[in-house]
Protein backbone atom coordinates (compact mmCIF):
# COMPACT_ATOMS: atom_id res chain seq x y z
CA UNK A 1 -27.26 -4.30 10.92
CA UNK A 2 -24.49 -2.27 9.43
CA UNK A 3 -22.75 -3.80 6.51
CA UNK A 4 -19.30 -5.41 7.18
CA UNK A 5 -16.34 -3.60 5.98
CA UNK A 6 -13.53 -6.03 5.00
CA UNK A 7 -9.91 -5.23 5.60
CA UNK A 8 -9.06 -4.80 1.88
CA UNK A 9 -12.27 -2.98 0.85
CA UNK A 10 -11.43 -0.35 -1.64
CA UNK A 11 -8.05 -1.84 -2.55
CA UNK A 12 -7.52 -2.37 -6.29
CA UNK A 13 -5.32 -5.24 -7.17
CA UNK A 14 -3.89 -6.21 -10.66
CA UNK A 15 -2.88 -9.83 -10.78
CA UNK A 16 -0.97 -11.16 -13.66
CA UNK A 17 -1.87 -14.75 -14.32
CA UNK A 18 0.68 -17.26 -13.19
CA UNK A 19 0.98 -20.49 -11.04
CA UNK A 20 -0.56 -21.31 -7.68
CA UNK A 21 1.18 -18.99 -5.04
CA UNK A 22 0.20 -15.59 -6.72
CA UNK A 23 -3.46 -16.63 -7.69
CA UNK A 24 -3.89 -18.00 -4.13
CA UNK A 25 -2.59 -14.69 -2.72
CA UNK A 26 -5.00 -12.84 -5.02
CA UNK A 27 -7.88 -15.03 -3.99
CA UNK A 28 -7.10 -14.21 -0.33
CA UNK A 29 -7.13 -10.47 -1.03
CA UNK A 30 -10.40 -10.81 -2.90
CA UNK A 31 -11.94 -12.84 -0.12
CA UNK A 32 -11.10 -9.88 2.20
CA UNK A 33 -12.66 -7.17 0.18
CA UNK A 34 -10.14 -6.25 -2.65
CA UNK A 35 -11.22 -5.78 -6.13
CA UNK A 36 -8.91 -8.16 -8.01
CA UNK A 37 -8.50 -8.18 -11.83
CA UNK A 38 -6.56 -11.06 -13.48
CA UNK A 39 -4.59 -10.11 -16.54
CA UNK A 40 -4.21 -13.08 -18.82
CA UNK A 41 -2.04 -12.86 -22.02
CA UNK A 42 -4.13 -14.25 -25.03
CA UNK A 43 -1.29 -16.30 -26.10
CA UNK A 44 -1.08 -17.98 -22.76
CA UNK A 45 -3.13 -20.81 -21.19
CA UNK A 46 -4.22 -21.29 -17.60
CA UNK A 47 -4.95 -24.74 -16.00
CA UNK A 48 -8.15 -25.57 -14.26
CA UNK A 49 -6.24 -25.60 -10.96
CA UNK A 50 -5.47 -21.90 -11.40
CA UNK A 51 -8.97 -21.15 -12.51
CA UNK A 52 -10.26 -22.36 -9.29
CA UNK A 53 -8.34 -19.80 -7.46
CA UNK A 54 -10.21 -17.09 -9.35
CA UNK A 55 -12.81 -16.82 -6.76
CA UNK A 56 -14.12 -13.28 -6.45
CA UNK A 57 -11.98 -12.10 -9.19
CA UNK A 58 -12.49 -10.51 -12.69
CA UNK A 59 -10.68 -11.95 -15.68
CA UNK A 60 -9.41 -9.82 -18.55
CA UNK A 61 -7.70 -11.27 -21.58
CA UNK A 62 -5.30 -8.94 -23.31
CA UNK A 63 -2.66 -9.19 -26.07
CA UNK A 64 0.93 -8.29 -24.64
CA UNK A 65 1.99 -7.63 -28.21
CA UNK A 66 -0.77 -5.13 -28.73
CA UNK A 67 0.15 -1.47 -28.19
CA UNK A 68 -3.44 -0.60 -27.37
CA UNK A 69 -3.89 -3.48 -24.87
CA UNK A 70 -0.51 -2.61 -23.08
CA UNK A 71 -1.64 1.19 -23.00
CA UNK A 72 -4.78 -0.16 -21.14
CA UNK A 73 -2.65 -2.18 -18.80
CA UNK A 74 -0.40 0.81 -17.94
CA UNK A 75 -3.65 2.95 -17.38
CA UNK A 76 -4.88 0.27 -15.04
CA UNK A 77 -1.52 0.36 -13.20
CA UNK A 78 -1.85 4.02 -12.63
CA UNK A 79 -5.21 3.43 -10.90
CA UNK A 80 -4.23 0.23 -8.92
CA UNK A 81 -2.98 -0.12 -5.34
CA UNK A 82 -1.24 -3.45 -5.79
CA UNK A 83 0.36 -5.41 -8.66
CA UNK A 84 0.93 -9.09 -8.32
CA UNK A 85 3.92 -10.31 -10.55
CA UNK A 86 4.39 -14.00 -11.00
CA UNK A 87 7.07 -13.88 -13.65
CA UNK A 88 10.87 -14.41 -13.86
CA UNK A 89 12.97 -11.44 -13.11
CA UNK A 90 12.90 -8.99 -15.92
CA UNK A 91 9.65 -10.14 -17.63
CA UNK A 92 7.69 -7.17 -16.51
CA UNK A 93 10.41 -4.88 -17.75
CA UNK A 94 10.41 -6.72 -21.06
CA UNK A 95 6.83 -6.06 -21.72
CA UNK A 96 7.12 -2.42 -20.93
CA UNK A 97 6.02 -2.47 -17.42
CA UNK A 98 9.10 -1.30 -15.40
CA UNK A 99 8.12 -1.22 -11.74
CA UNK A 100 10.24 1.74 -11.21
CA UNK A 101 8.41 3.68 -13.90
CA UNK A 102 4.98 2.40 -12.67
CA UNK A 103 5.61 3.67 -9.23
CA UNK A 104 6.93 6.94 -10.52
CA UNK A 105 3.45 7.27 -12.34
CA UNK A 106 1.49 5.96 -9.33
CA UNK A 107 3.21 6.66 -6.20
CA UNK A 108 0.70 4.68 -4.03
CA UNK A 109 1.36 1.54 -6.02
CA UNK A 110 2.87 -1.66 -4.40
CA UNK A 111 4.50 -4.10 -6.75
CA UNK A 112 4.71 -7.69 -5.08
CA UNK A 113 7.02 -9.87 -7.18
CA UNK A 114 7.32 -13.62 -6.77
CA UNK A 115 10.03 -15.75 -8.30
CA UNK A 116 11.43 -19.16 -7.97
CA UNK A 117 14.93 -18.25 -6.79
CA UNK A 118 14.81 -14.44 -6.10
CA UNK A 119 15.71 -11.42 -8.21
CA UNK A 120 19.43 -11.78 -7.99
CA UNK A 121 22.06 -14.58 -8.00
CA UNK A 122 23.14 -17.31 -10.53
CA UNK A 123 19.67 -18.98 -10.44
CA UNK A 124 17.61 -15.84 -10.72
CA UNK A 125 16.73 -16.33 -14.42
CA UNK A 126 16.78 -20.12 -14.41
CA UNK A 127 13.48 -22.09 -15.10
CA UNK A 128 12.54 -24.16 -12.00
CA UNK A 129 9.60 -26.01 -10.49
CA UNK A 130 8.65 -27.78 -7.31
CA UNK A 131 11.43 -30.30 -7.24
CA UNK A 132 14.07 -27.81 -7.81
CA UNK A 133 12.95 -25.55 -4.99
CA UNK A 134 12.40 -28.44 -2.58
CA UNK A 135 15.73 -29.85 -3.33
CA UNK A 136 17.55 -26.59 -2.73
CA UNK A 137 15.80 -25.89 0.48
CA UNK A 138 16.86 -29.12 2.12
CA UNK A 139 13.39 -30.43 2.44
CA UNK A 140 14.02 -33.71 0.56
CA UNK A 141 15.12 -35.66 3.59
CA UNK A 142 11.53 -35.31 4.91
CA UNK A 143 10.00 -37.15 2.06
CA UNK A 144 12.77 -39.84 1.52
CA UNK A 145 11.82 -43.35 1.56
CA UNK A 146 14.63 -43.94 3.87
CA UNK A 147 12.61 -42.20 6.54
CA UNK A 148 10.17 -44.44 8.60
CA UNK A 149 7.22 -42.13 7.76
CA UNK A 150 3.69 -43.23 8.02
CA UNK A 151 2.88 -41.69 4.70
CA UNK A 152 4.09 -42.85 1.32
CA UNK A 153 6.90 -40.69 -0.12
CA UNK A 154 4.50 -39.50 -3.09
CA UNK A 155 1.80 -38.41 -0.62
CA UNK A 156 4.49 -36.57 1.43
CA UNK A 157 5.69 -34.94 -1.71
CA UNK A 158 2.26 -33.70 -2.64
CA UNK A 159 1.62 -32.40 0.72
CA UNK A 160 4.86 -30.47 0.89
CA UNK A 161 4.23 -28.98 -2.57
CA UNK A 162 0.73 -27.72 -1.50
CA UNK A 163 2.06 -26.54 1.88
CA UNK A 164 4.91 -24.55 0.45
CA UNK A 165 2.81 -23.24 -2.45
CA UNK A 166 0.02 -21.75 -0.42
CA UNK A 167 2.19 -20.77 2.48
CA UNK A 168 4.12 -18.74 -0.01
CA UNK A 169 0.87 -17.23 -1.16
CA UNK A 170 -0.18 -16.33 2.43
CA UNK A 171 3.24 -14.74 3.25
CA UNK A 172 3.01 -12.72 -0.01
CA UNK A 173 -0.51 -11.59 1.14
CA UNK A 174 0.80 -10.83 4.54
CA UNK A 175 3.49 -8.49 2.96
CA UNK A 176 0.96 -6.77 0.73
CA UNK A 177 -1.03 -6.12 3.87
CA UNK A 178 2.04 -4.77 5.79
CA UNK A 179 3.17 -2.68 2.76
CA UNK A 180 -0.36 -1.10 2.53
CA UNK A 181 -0.25 -0.07 6.17
CA UNK A 182 3.27 1.12 6.19
CA UNK A 183 2.54 3.10 3.07
CA UNK A 184 -0.41 4.74 4.53
CA UNK A 185 1.40 5.75 7.57
CA UNK A 186 4.71 6.73 6.13
CA UNK A 187 3.40 7.80 2.68
CA UNK A 188 6.05 5.40 1.18
CA UNK A 189 5.19 2.89 -1.08
CA UNK A 190 7.32 0.59 -3.54
CA UNK A 191 7.96 -2.83 -4.44
CA UNK A 192 9.22 -6.03 -2.72
CA UNK A 193 10.41 -9.40 -3.61
CA UNK A 194 9.59 -12.91 -2.44
CA UNK A 195 10.77 -16.39 -3.65
CA UNK A 196 9.39 -19.90 -3.51
CA UNK A 197 12.80 -21.15 -2.44
CA UNK A 198 12.95 -18.77 0.56
CA UNK A 199 9.44 -19.88 1.66
CA UNK A 200 10.58 -23.52 1.56
CA UNK A 201 13.55 -22.79 3.69
CA UNK A 202 11.11 -21.26 6.32
CA UNK A 203 8.85 -24.38 6.02
CA UNK A 204 11.87 -26.60 6.36
CA UNK A 205 12.79 -24.97 9.75
CA UNK A 206 9.32 -25.58 11.07
CA UNK A 207 9.01 -29.16 9.95
CA UNK A 208 12.38 -30.22 11.42
CA UNK A 209 11.12 -29.34 14.87
CA UNK A 210 8.64 -32.34 14.38
CA UNK A 211 11.03 -34.81 12.66
CA UNK A 212 14.27 -34.37 14.56
């Protein structure tokens, strides 16, 4: 029996360590054959939850303040097909990894950037977490205690957080796949953006169909 060739076989992915959606995206890519390397800053910490999403990946701890380590990261970027960025807008640029320059050096590179509120606008550089994204998306009425829901509000909240986080990761993985396919056909690669807030708005539209 011939060995199974997975969809992302031969694809090299660099994933900067971050919160759930990006590690989940990297895990899905690894499950389907990609070679995924997680880059973790030695001054950072990662939770057990994020480590559970490291299935099929290689972890590499580097010091972002070290010139030698950052030179190694840049060399890896020149050899990679995909870079997963979980940071706030401007963070990659601040550590010397401007996506525009990276793509000039490696024209087949796809830079997938995930933020809380998007790359532009008044909230782009603001800190945020689940409660902020859910509130701004309009999902709060679905978990309000005023609604006659079977499940307690806290349980609904946790389910929404998990749903939105991992839906975001899946949508990011889909964009990576489409980017690779388009790039191979049109010989045009580049970078794209996605935000947790945008994903929650999409989830909201779907859930409203069931509640109203």
